[in-house]
Amino acid sequence: MKLLRYGPKGQEKPGIVDAEGVVRDLSGLVYDIAGDVLTDQGLAGIAEADLSSLPAVEVDRYGPCVGGVGKFVCIGLNYSDHAEESGLEVPPEPVIFAKATSAICGPNDAVEIPLGSKATDWEVELGVVIGKEAKYIDEADALDHVAGYCVINDISERDFQNKRAGQWTKGKSADTFGPIGPWLVTRDEVPDPQNLSMYLDVNGKRRQDGSTNTMVFGVAHLVSYLSQFMSLQPGDIISTGTPPGVGMGIKPEPVYLKVGDNMELGIEGLGVQHQNVMAAIKGA
């Protein structure tokens, strides 16, 4: 299933894409694409529905494909060639950092360059959405705890991240730094999350062109690994790292986003995002 949320910011309704590509409203079945709706039982209830009986809707805005996200956990340097372009060693264990949930926005919402930013960057990433509590689980069982997958643009301010001391979170958490969606694609439609092509273009120029098959730590390992340090709950999101081609790694000089730029990014089977870049406004 391809699940989604649509409508004005803060007023999103749950929806689903039917076999003909028509978006159907799920408001009569579920309260949101969130929480217990993402469990196996909740998803089974949607799968059993007669979609043709549900209202067809025109979508003006796609919201974040998951609502009520409790944790937004990110993995750093999870592609060896991205680590190389960053001038860093491939880590012996996954690098974990948090992204504020207030960074989450719709897949086609404008991305804001923060006040004082000179190094706002892009990162196409595979998002993993948890559907069943995961606590001290084995890698062999890890994918049973996944509801599905989505596209994430892990927008990053490199100076805030790398030059302002402390942890990476401050360079990852500005408003609009977490576009997710357009769809949450359930795990039954993604038989191998380690074999998905992915790309990102800036102003029509291909900047990232990779595949999840070059991850250092795969999805199952990441879910199991994280569960040793924190419980994962339905609706939590893991952003699994990015392939090479980020602006920071461009030679001879880095290239960063500027007002007026536009991005297009996508992952095989999970949909496409489009974002225009604008300046953040103080107090807005």
C-alpha atoms as a PDB file:
ATOM      1  CA  MET A   1       0.000   0.000   0.000  1.00  0.00           C
ATOM      2  CA  LYS A   2       0.972   3.593  -0.611  1.00  0.00           C
ATOM      3  CA  LEU A   3      -0.283   5.608   2.353  1.00  0.00           C
ATOM      4  CA  LEU A   4      -0.166   9.381   2.539  1.00  0.00           C
ATOM      5  CA  ARG A   5      -1.424  12.467   4.310  1.00  0.00           C
ATOM      6  CA  TYR A   6      -2.859  15.431   2.440  1.00  0.00           C
ATOM      7  CA  GLY A   7      -4.284  18.859   3.098  1.00  0.00           C
ATOM      8  CA  PRO A   8      -3.185  22.132   4.727  1.00  0.00           C
ATOM      9  CA  LYS A   9      -0.346  22.099   7.229  1.00  0.00           C
ATOM     10  CA  GLY A  10      -1.592  20.925  10.601  1.00  0.00           C
ATOM     11  CA  GLN A  11      -4.887  19.738   9.124  1.00  0.00           C
ATOM     12  CA  GLU A  12      -3.706  16.749   7.118  1.00  0.00           C
ATOM     13  CA  LYS A  13      -6.067  13.850   6.434  1.00  0.00           C
ATOM     14  CA  PRO A  14      -5.068  10.214   5.850  1.00  0.00           C
ATOM     15  CA  GLY A  15      -5.195   8.837   2.333  1.00  0.00           C
ATOM     16  CA  ILE A  16      -4.169   5.940   0.133  1.00  0.00           C
ATOM     17  CA  VAL A  17      -3.281   5.510  -3.540  1.00  0.00           C
ATOM     18  CA  ASP A  18      -5.490   2.871  -5.165  1.00  0.00           C
ATOM     19  CA  ALA A  19      -4.521   0.469  -7.950  1.00  0.00           C
ATOM     20  CA  GLU A  20      -5.449   3.047 -10.622  1.00  0.00           C
ATOM     21  CA  GLY A  21      -3.330   5.759  -9.009  1.00  0.00           C
ATOM     22  CA  VAL A  22      -6.327   7.601  -7.563  1.00  0.00           C
ATOM     23  CA  VAL A  23      -5.953   9.064  -4.076  1.00  0.00           C
ATOM     24  CA  ARG A  24      -8.727   7.915  -1.731  1.00  0.00           C
ATOM     25  CA  ASP A  25      -9.627   9.493   1.582  1.00  0.00           C
ATOM     26  CA  LEU A  26      -9.153   7.194   4.599  1.00  0.00           C
ATOM     27  CA  SER A  27     -10.733   9.481   7.203  1.00  0.00           C
ATOM     28  CA  GLY A  28     -13.683   7.138   7.581  1.00  0.00           C
ATOM     29  CA  LEU A  29     -11.380   4.250   8.490  1.00  0.00           C
ATOM     30  CA  VAL A  30      -8.460   5.695  10.453  1.00  0.00           C
ATOM     31  CA  TYR A  31      -7.736   8.890  12.367  1.00  0.00           C
ATOM     32  CA  ASP A  32      -4.281   9.397  10.824  1.00  0.00           C
ATOM     33  CA  ILE A  33      -1.265   7.603   9.351  1.00  0.00           C
ATOM     34  CA  ALA A  34       0.323   7.425  12.783  1.00  0.00           C
ATOM     35  CA  GLY A  35       0.748   5.385  15.951  1.00  0.00           C
ATOM     36  CA  ASP A  36      -1.270   2.166  16.179  1.00  0.00           C
ATOM     37  CA  VAL A  37      -2.508   2.584  12.614  1.00  0.00           C
ATOM     38  CA  LEU A  38       1.024   1.559  11.602  1.00  0.00           C
ATOM     39  CA  THR A  39       0.951  -1.758  13.457  1.00  0.00           C
ATOM     40  CA  ASP A  40       0.341  -4.974  11.529  1.00  0.00           C
ATOM     41  CA  GLN A  41      -3.230  -5.015  12.810  1.00  0.00           C
ATOM     42  CA  GLY A  42      -3.835  -1.397  11.841  1.00  0.00           C
ATOM     43  CA  LEU A  43      -2.404  -1.843   8.352  1.00  0.00           C
ATOM     44  CA  ALA A  44      -4.377  -5.053   7.855  1.00  0.00           C
ATOM     45  CA  GLY A  45      -7.588  -3.138   8.522  1.00  0.00           C
ATOM     46  CA  ILE A  46      -6.746  -0.716   5.713  1.00  0.00           C
ATOM     47  CA  ALA A  47      -5.680  -3.524   3.359  1.00  0.00           C
ATOM     48  CA  GLU A  48      -9.058  -5.238   3.789  1.00  0.00           C
ATOM     49  CA  ALA A  49     -11.041  -2.120   2.889  1.00  0.00           C
ATOM     50  CA  ASP A  50     -12.902  -1.735  -0.398  1.00  0.00           C
ATOM     51  CA  LEU A  51     -11.002   1.278  -1.703  1.00  0.00           C
ATOM     52  CA  SER A  52     -13.461   1.862  -4.540  1.00  0.00           C
ATOM     53  CA  SER A  53     -16.076   2.779  -1.940  1.00  0.00           C
ATOM     54  CA  LEU A  54     -13.904   5.531  -0.453  1.00  0.00           C
ATOM     55  CA  PRO A  55     -14.062   9.153  -1.653  1.00  0.00           C
ATOM     56  CA  ALA A  56     -11.609  10.098  -4.404  1.00  0.00           C
ATOM     57  CA  VAL A  57      -9.785  13.343  -3.681  1.00  0.00           C
ATOM     58  CA  GLU A  58      -7.684  15.885  -5.539  1.00  0.00           C
ATOM     59  CA  VAL A  59      -4.461  16.577  -3.651  1.00  0.00           C
ATOM     60  CA  ASP A  60      -3.268  20.177  -3.559  1.00  0.00           C
ATOM     61  CA  ARG A  61      -0.620  19.483  -0.917  1.00  0.00           C
ATOM     62  CA  TYR A  62       0.987  16.307   0.334  1.00  0.00           C
ATOM     63  CA  GLY A  63       1.787  16.470   4.023  1.00  0.00           C
ATOM     64  CA  PRO A  64       4.466  14.419   5.794  1.00  0.00           C
ATOM     65  CA  CYS A  65       3.489  10.807   5.165  1.00  0.00           C
ATOM     66  CA  VAL A  66       3.593   9.976   8.908  1.00  0.00           C
ATOM     67  CA  GLY A  67       1.928  11.994  11.650  1.00  0.00           C
ATOM     68  CA  GLY A  68       2.743  12.252  15.337  1.00  0.00           C
ATOM     69  CA  VAL A  69       6.371  11.187  14.929  1.00  0.00           C
ATOM     70  CA  GLY A  70       7.912  10.471  18.325  1.00  0.00           C
ATOM     71  CA  LYS A  71      11.561  10.047  17.329  1.00  0.00           C
ATOM     72  CA  PHE A  72      13.419  11.111  14.193  1.00  0.00           C
ATOM     73  CA  VAL A  73      16.692   9.178  14.386  1.00  0.00           C
ATOM     74  CA  CYS A  74      19.381   9.596  11.737  1.00  0.00           C
ATOM     75  CA  ILE A  75      22.425   7.556  10.757  1.00  0.00           C
ATOM     76  CA  GLY A  76      25.601   9.333   9.693  1.00  0.00           C
ATOM     77  CA  LEU A  77      28.314   8.213   7.277  1.00  0.00           C
ATOM     78  CA  ASN A  78      26.440   5.047   6.307  1.00  0.00           C
ATOM     79  CA  TYR A  79      27.749   4.970   2.730  1.00  0.00           C
ATOM     80  CA  SER A  80      31.500   4.443   2.456  1.00  0.00           C
ATOM     81  CA  ASP A  81      31.873   6.741  -0.569  1.00  0.00           C
ATOM     82  CA  HIS A  82      29.966   9.519   1.238  1.00  0.00           C
ATOM     83  CA  ALA A  83      32.305   9.140   4.220  1.00  0.00           C
ATOM     84  CA  GLU A  84      35.228   9.493   1.836  1.00  0.00           C
ATOM     85  CA  GLU A  85      33.891  12.691   0.248  1.00  0.00           C
ATOM     86  CA  SER A  86      33.335  14.049   3.788  1.00  0.00           C
ATOM     87  CA  GLY A  87      36.963  13.318   4.665  1.00  0.00           C
ATOM     88  CA  LEU A  88      35.958  10.921   7.430  1.00  0.00           C
ATOM     89  CA  GLU A  89      36.579   7.261   8.205  1.00  0.00           C
ATOM     90  CA  VAL A  90      33.843   4.669   7.841  1.00  0.00           C
ATOM     91  CA  PRO A  91      32.671   4.191  11.426  1.00  0.00           C
ATOM     92  CA  PRO A  92      33.011   0.790  13.151  1.00  0.00           C
ATOM     93  CA  GLU A  93      29.431   1.134  14.423  1.00  0.00           C
ATOM     94  CA  PRO A  94      26.492   3.230  13.195  1.00  0.00           C
ATOM     95  CA  VAL A  95      26.768   6.955  13.953  1.00  0.00           C
ATOM     96  CA  ILE A  96      23.496   8.029  15.570  1.00  0.00           C
ATOM     97  CA  PHE A  97      22.129  11.547  15.881  1.00  0.00           C
ATOM     98  CA  ALA A  98      18.691  13.063  16.339  1.00  0.00           C
ATOM     99  CA  LYS A  99      16.765  15.405  14.101  1.00  0.00           C
ATOM    100  CA  ALA A 100      14.102  17.541  15.781  1.00  0.00           C
ATOM    101  CA  THR A 101      10.602  16.434  14.834  1.00  0.00           C
ATOM    102  CA  SER A 102       9.764  20.117  14.273  1.00  0.00           C
ATOM    103  CA  ALA A 103      11.969  19.857  11.155  1.00  0.00           C
ATOM    104  CA  ILE A 104       9.431  17.534   9.517  1.00  0.00           C
ATOM    105  CA  CYS A 105       7.500  18.949   6.566  1.00  0.00           C
ATOM    106  CA  GLY A 106       5.715  17.792   3.455  1.00  0.00           C
ATOM    107  CA  PRO A 107       7.660  16.381   0.497  1.00  0.00           C
ATOM    108  CA  ASN A 108       6.977  19.379  -1.732  1.00  0.00           C
ATOM    109  CA  ASP A 109       6.980  22.144   0.883  1.00  0.00           C
ATOM    110  CA  ALA A 110       9.533  24.921   0.478  1.00  0.00           C
ATOM    111  CA  VAL A 111      12.858  24.422   2.244  1.00  0.00           C
ATOM    112  CA  GLU A 112      14.018  27.399   4.290  1.00  0.00           C
ATOM    113  CA  ILE A 113      17.645  28.480   4.525  1.00  0.00           C
ATOM    114  CA  PRO A 114      18.155  29.357   8.213  1.00  0.00           C
ATOM    115  CA  LEU A 115      19.164  32.829   9.330  1.00  0.00           C
ATOM    116  CA  GLY A 116      22.952  33.087   9.259  1.00  0.00           C
ATOM    117  CA  SER A 117      23.383  29.996   7.077  1.00  0.00           C
ATOM    118  CA  LYS A 118      26.087  29.829   4.425  1.00  0.00           C
ATOM    119  CA  ALA A 119      26.236  26.064   3.950  1.00  0.00           C
ATOM    120  CA  THR A 120      22.779  24.508   3.602  1.00  0.00           C
ATOM    121  CA  ASP A 121      23.109  21.123   1.901  1.00  0.00           C
ATOM    122  CA  TRP A 122      21.004  18.253   0.546  1.00  0.00           C
ATOM    123  CA  GLU A 123      20.915  14.501   1.300  1.00  0.00           C
ATOM    124  CA  VAL A 124      18.538  11.983  -0.267  1.00  0.00           C
ATOM    125  CA  GLU A 125      17.916   9.151   2.192  1.00  0.00           C
ATOM    126  CA  LEU A 126      15.812   6.045   2.671  1.00  0.00           C
ATOM    127  CA  GLY A 127      13.421   6.495   5.576  1.00  0.00           C
ATOM    128  CA  VAL A 128      12.331   3.529   7.690  1.00  0.00           C
ATOM    129  CA  VAL A 129       9.042   3.845   9.582  1.00  0.00           C
ATOM    130  CA  ILE A 130       8.583   1.647  12.629  1.00  0.00           C
ATOM    131  CA  GLY A 131       5.311  -0.276  12.964  1.00  0.00           C
ATOM    132  CA  LYS A 132       5.903  -2.451  16.026  1.00  0.00           C
ATOM    133  CA  GLU A 133       7.752  -1.706  19.249  1.00  0.00           C
ATOM    134  CA  ALA A 134      11.400  -2.725  18.963  1.00  0.00           C
ATOM    135  CA  LYS A 135      13.382  -3.289  22.147  1.00  0.00           C
ATOM    136  CA  TYR A 136      16.484  -5.477  22.263  1.00  0.00           C
ATOM    137  CA  ILE A 137      15.501  -7.274  19.078  1.00  0.00           C
ATOM    138  CA  ASP A 138      17.651  -9.559  16.940  1.00  0.00           C
ATOM    139  CA  GLU A 139      18.668  -8.548  13.440  1.00  0.00           C
ATOM    140  CA  ALA A 140      16.885 -11.594  12.015  1.00  0.00           C
ATOM    141  CA  ASP A 141      13.576 -10.265  13.350  1.00  0.00           C
ATOM    142  CA  ALA A 142      14.160  -6.575  12.695  1.00  0.00           C
ATOM    143  CA  LEU A 143      12.188  -6.110   9.480  1.00  0.00           C
ATOM    144  CA  ASP A 144       9.075  -7.517  11.208  1.00  0.00           C
ATOM    145  CA  HIS A 145       9.102  -4.269  13.210  1.00  0.00           C
ATOM    146  CA  VAL A 146       9.019  -2.056  10.097  1.00  0.00           C
ATOM    147  CA  ALA A 147       5.736  -0.617   8.821  1.00  0.00           C
ATOM    148  CA  GLY A 148       7.233   0.708   5.611  1.00  0.00           C
ATOM    149  CA  TYR A 149       9.591   3.064   3.842  1.00  0.00           C
ATOM    150  CA  CYS A 150       9.642   6.621   2.499  1.00  0.00           C
ATOM    151  CA  VAL A 151      11.840   9.243   0.850  1.00  0.00           C
ATOM    152  CA  ILE A 152      13.612  11.722   3.131  1.00  0.00           C
ATOM    153  CA  ASN A 153      15.676  14.793   2.281  1.00  0.00           C
ATOM    154  CA  ASP A 154      18.000  15.175   5.265  1.00  0.00           C
ATOM    155  CA  ILE A 155      18.660  18.885   4.769  1.00  0.00           C
ATOM    156  CA  SER A 156      21.802  19.901   6.667  1.00  0.00           C
ATOM    157  CA  GLU A 157      23.569  23.138   7.555  1.00  0.00           C
ATOM    158  CA  ARG A 158      27.232  22.103   7.411  1.00  0.00           C
ATOM    159  CA  ASP A 159      28.710  25.013   9.350  1.00  0.00           C
ATOM    160  CA  PHE A 160      26.187  24.543  12.155  1.00  0.00           C
ATOM    161  CA  GLN A 161      26.861  20.800  12.024  1.00  0.00           C
ATOM    162  CA  ASN A 162      30.657  20.776  11.877  1.00  0.00           C
ATOM    163  CA  LYS A 163      31.983  24.148  13.017  1.00  0.00           C
ATOM    164  CA  ARG A 164      29.765  25.134  15.915  1.00  0.00           C
ATOM    165  CA  ALA A 165      30.963  22.471  18.396  1.00  0.00           C
ATOM    166  CA  GLY A 166      28.923  19.742  20.011  1.00  0.00           C
ATOM    167  CA  GLN A 167      26.661  17.277  18.260  1.00  0.00           C
ATOM    168  CA  TRP A 168      25.346  17.279  14.707  1.00  0.00           C
ATOM    169  CA  THR A 169      21.743  17.873  15.773  1.00  0.00           C
ATOM    170  CA  LYS A 170      22.050  21.663  15.606  1.00  0.00           C
ATOM    171  CA  GLY A 171      22.932  21.440  11.903  1.00  0.00           C
ATOM    172  CA  LYS A 172      20.088  19.058  11.118  1.00  0.00           C
ATOM    173  CA  SER A 173      17.037  20.427  12.900  1.00  0.00           C
ATOM    174  CA  ALA A 174      15.947  23.753  11.423  1.00  0.00           C
ATOM    175  CA  ASP A 175      12.323  24.045  10.361  1.00  0.00           C
ATOM    176  CA  THR A 176      11.736  22.361   6.950  1.00  0.00           C
ATOM    177  CA  PHE A 177      14.956  20.323   7.232  1.00  0.00           C
ATOM    178  CA  GLY A 178      12.984  17.055   7.176  1.00  0.00           C
ATOM    179  CA  PRO A 179      10.751  16.611   4.115  1.00  0.00           C
ATOM    180  CA  ILE A 180       9.238  13.093   4.218  1.00  0.00           C
ATOM    181  CA  GLY A 181       7.012  11.343   1.689  1.00  0.00           C
ATOM    182  CA  PRO A 182       5.072  11.595  -0.544  1.00  0.00           C
ATOM    183  CA  TRP A 183       4.093   8.064   0.457  1.00  0.00           C
ATOM    184  CA  LEU A 184       4.674   5.585   3.210  1.00  0.00           C
ATOM    185  CA  VAL A 185       5.068   2.402   1.162  1.00  0.00           C
ATOM    186  CA  THR A 186       4.320  -0.657   3.274  1.00  0.00           C
ATOM    187  CA  ARG A 187       7.046  -3.241   3.655  1.00  0.00           C
ATOM    188  CA  ASP A 188       5.197  -5.897   1.629  1.00  0.00           C
ATOM    189  CA  GLU A 189       5.762  -3.721  -1.450  1.00  0.00           C
ATOM    190  CA  VAL A 190       9.504  -3.341  -0.735  1.00  0.00           C
ATOM    191  CA  PRO A 191      10.834  -6.898  -0.649  1.00  0.00           C
ATOM    192  CA  ASP A 192      14.479  -5.791  -0.557  1.00  0.00           C
ATOM    193  CA  PRO A 193      15.205  -2.390   0.997  1.00  0.00           C
ATOM    194  CA  GLN A 194      18.892  -2.949   0.175  1.00  0.00           C
ATOM    195  CA  ASN A 195      18.359  -2.743  -3.572  1.00  0.00           C
ATOM    196  CA  LEU A 196      16.695   0.608  -4.245  1.00  0.00           C
ATOM    197  CA  SER A 197      18.088   3.208  -6.646  1.00  0.00           C
ATOM    198  CA  MET A 198      18.003   6.808  -5.460  1.00  0.00           C
ATOM    199  CA  TYR A 199      18.834  10.231  -6.872  1.00  0.00           C
ATOM    200  CA  LEU A 200      18.772  13.958  -6.183  1.00  0.00           C
ATOM    201  CA  ASP A 201      18.916  16.844  -8.664  1.00  0.00           C
ATOM    202  CA  VAL A 202      19.555  20.516  -7.938  1.00  0.00           C
ATOM    203  CA  ASN A 203      18.333  22.926 -10.616  1.00  0.00           C
ATOM    204  CA  GLY A 204      18.075  20.027 -13.047  1.00  0.00           C
ATOM    205  CA  LYS A 205      21.662  18.841 -12.490  1.00  0.00           C
ATOM    206  CA  ARG A 206      22.135  15.327 -11.136  1.00  0.00           C
ATOM    207  CA  ARG A 207      24.045  15.596  -7.869  1.00  0.00           C
ATOM    208  CA  GLN A 208      23.366  12.245  -6.202  1.00  0.00           C
ATOM    209  CA  ASP A 209      22.938   8.942  -8.009  1.00  0.00           C
ATOM    210  CA  GLY A 210      23.222   5.912  -5.775  1.00  0.00           C
ATOM    211  CA  SER A 211      21.666   2.779  -4.367  1.00  0.00           C
ATOM    212  CA  THR A 212      20.843   1.429  -0.947  1.00  0.00           C
ATOM    213  CA  ASN A 213      22.957  -1.609  -1.839  1.00  0.00           C
ATOM    214  CA  THR A 214      26.071   0.378  -0.909  1.00  0.00           C
ATOM    215  CA  MET A 215      24.985   1.051   2.681  1.00  0.00           C
ATOM    216  CA  VAL A 216      27.597   0.112   5.267  1.00  0.00           C
ATOM    217  CA  PHE A 217      24.921  -0.973   7.755  1.00  0.00           C
ATOM    218  CA  GLY A 218      21.668  -2.278   6.277  1.00  0.00           C
ATOM    219  CA  VAL A 219      18.135  -1.586   7.452  1.00  0.00           C
ATOM    220  CA  ALA A 220      17.774  -4.761   9.523  1.00  0.00           C
ATOM    221  CA  HIS A 221      21.058  -4.117  11.288  1.00  0.00           C
ATOM    222  CA  LEU A 222      20.136  -0.500  12.013  1.00  0.00           C
ATOM    223  CA  VAL A 223      16.738  -1.339  13.501  1.00  0.00           C
ATOM    224  CA  SER A 224      18.263  -4.043  15.693  1.00  0.00           C
ATOM    225  CA  TYR A 225      21.222  -1.851  16.661  1.00  0.00           C
ATOM    226  CA  LEU A 226      19.086   1.117  17.647  1.00  0.00           C
ATOM    227  CA  SER A 227      16.823  -1.124  19.714  1.00  0.00           C
ATOM    228  CA  GLN A 228      19.764  -1.951  21.976  1.00  0.00           C
ATOM    229  CA  PHE A 229      19.971   1.704  23.049  1.00  0.00           C
ATOM    230  CA  MET A 230      16.366   2.933  22.863  1.00  0.00           C
ATOM    231  CA  SER A 231      12.964   1.399  22.302  1.00  0.00           C
ATOM    232  CA  LEU A 232      11.478   2.204  18.938  1.00  0.00           C
ATOM    233  CA  GLN A 233       7.753   2.883  18.767  1.00  0.00           C
ATOM    234  CA  PRO A 234       5.205   2.817  15.927  1.00  0.00           C
ATOM    235  CA  GLY A 235       5.627   6.017  13.938  1.00  0.00           C
ATOM    236  CA  ASP A 236       9.284   6.549  14.795  1.00  0.00           C
ATOM    237  CA  ILE A 237      11.425   7.275  11.737  1.00  0.00           C
ATOM    238  CA  ILE A 238      14.986   6.218  10.959  1.00  0.00           C
ATOM    239  CA  SER A 239      16.819   8.128   8.227  1.00  0.00           C
ATOM    240  CA  THR A 240      19.472   5.706   7.039  1.00  0.00           C
ATOM    241  CA  GLY A 241      22.211   7.860   5.519  1.00  0.00           C
ATOM    242  CA  THR A 242      23.031   9.281   2.115  1.00  0.00           C
ATOM    243  CA  PRO A 243      25.126   8.254  -0.910  1.00  0.00           C
ATOM    244  CA  PRO A 244      27.847  10.557  -2.291  1.00  0.00           C
ATOM    245  CA  GLY A 245      27.142  13.761  -4.154  1.00  0.00           C
ATOM    246  CA  VAL A 246      26.292  16.182  -1.368  1.00  0.00           C
ATOM    247  CA  GLY A 247      27.234  19.815  -1.824  1.00  0.00           C
ATOM    248  CA  MET A 248      29.907  19.670   0.870  1.00  0.00           C
ATOM    249  CA  GLY A 249      31.844  17.097  -1.161  1.00  0.00           C
ATOM    250  CA  ILE A 250      31.910  18.911  -4.509  1.00  0.00           C
ATOM    251  CA  LYS A 251      35.418  19.771  -5.759  1.00  0.00           C
ATOM    252  CA  PRO A 252      37.242  22.085  -6.034  1.00  0.00           C
ATOM    253  CA  GLU A 253      34.784  24.091  -3.926  1.00  0.00           C
ATOM    254  CA  PRO A 254      31.630  23.019  -2.102  1.00  0.00           C
ATOM    255  CA  VAL A 255      28.294  24.043  -3.619  1.00  0.00           C
ATOM    256  CA  TYR A 256      25.440  24.873  -1.275  1.00  0.00           C
ATOM    257  CA  LEU A 257      21.782  25.719  -1.683  1.00  0.00           C
ATOM    258  CA  LYS A 258      20.735  29.303  -2.309  1.00  0.00           C
ATOM    259  CA  VAL A 259      17.412  31.091  -2.436  1.00  0.00           C
ATOM    260  CA  GLY A 260      15.609  30.250  -5.671  1.00  0.00           C
ATOM    261  CA  ASP A 261      17.147  26.816  -6.116  1.00  0.00           C
ATOM    262  CA  ASN A 262      14.943  23.803  -6.634  1.00  0.00           C
ATOM    263  CA  MET A 263      15.487  20.161  -5.754  1.00  0.00           C
ATOM    264  CA  GLU A 264      14.024  16.957  -7.101  1.00  0.00           C
ATOM    265  CA  LEU A 265      14.751  13.645  -5.388  1.00  0.00           C
ATOM    266  CA  GLY A 266      13.375  10.166  -5.418  1.00  0.00           C
ATOM    267  CA  ILE A 267      13.843   6.536  -4.469  1.00  0.00           C
ATOM    268  CA  GLU A 268      12.766   3.594  -6.591  1.00  0.00           C
ATOM    269  CA  GLY A 269       9.163   2.690  -5.811  1.00  0.00           C
ATOM    270  CA  LEU A 270       8.798   5.285  -3.050  1.00  0.00           C
ATOM    271  CA  GLY A 271       7.927   8.413  -5.020  1.00  0.00           C
ATOM    272  CA  VAL A 272       9.477  11.777  -5.808  1.00  0.00           C
ATOM    273  CA  GLN A 273       9.864  15.027  -3.873  1.00  0.00           C
ATOM    274  CA  HIS A 274      10.157  18.586  -5.241  1.00  0.00           C
ATOM    275  CA  GLN A 275      11.308  21.535  -3.125  1.00  0.00           C
ATOM    276  CA  ASN A 276      11.944  25.184  -3.824  1.00  0.00           C
ATOM    277  CA  VAL A 277      14.437  26.969  -1.601  1.00  0.00           C
ATOM    278  CA  MET A 278      13.521  30.188   0.211  1.00  0.00           C
ATOM    279  CA  ALA A 279      14.959  32.327   2.982  1.00  0.00           C
ATOM    280  CA  ALA A 280      13.750  31.841   6.545  1.00  0.00           C
ATOM    281  CA  ILE A 281      12.017  34.875   7.993  1.00  0.00           C
ATOM    282  CA  LYS A 282      12.639  35.863  11.590  1.00  0.00           C
ATOM    283  CA  GLY A 283       9.511  35.398  13.665  1.00  0.00           C
ATOM    284  CA  ALA A 284       7.656  33.533  10.887  1.00  0.00           C
END
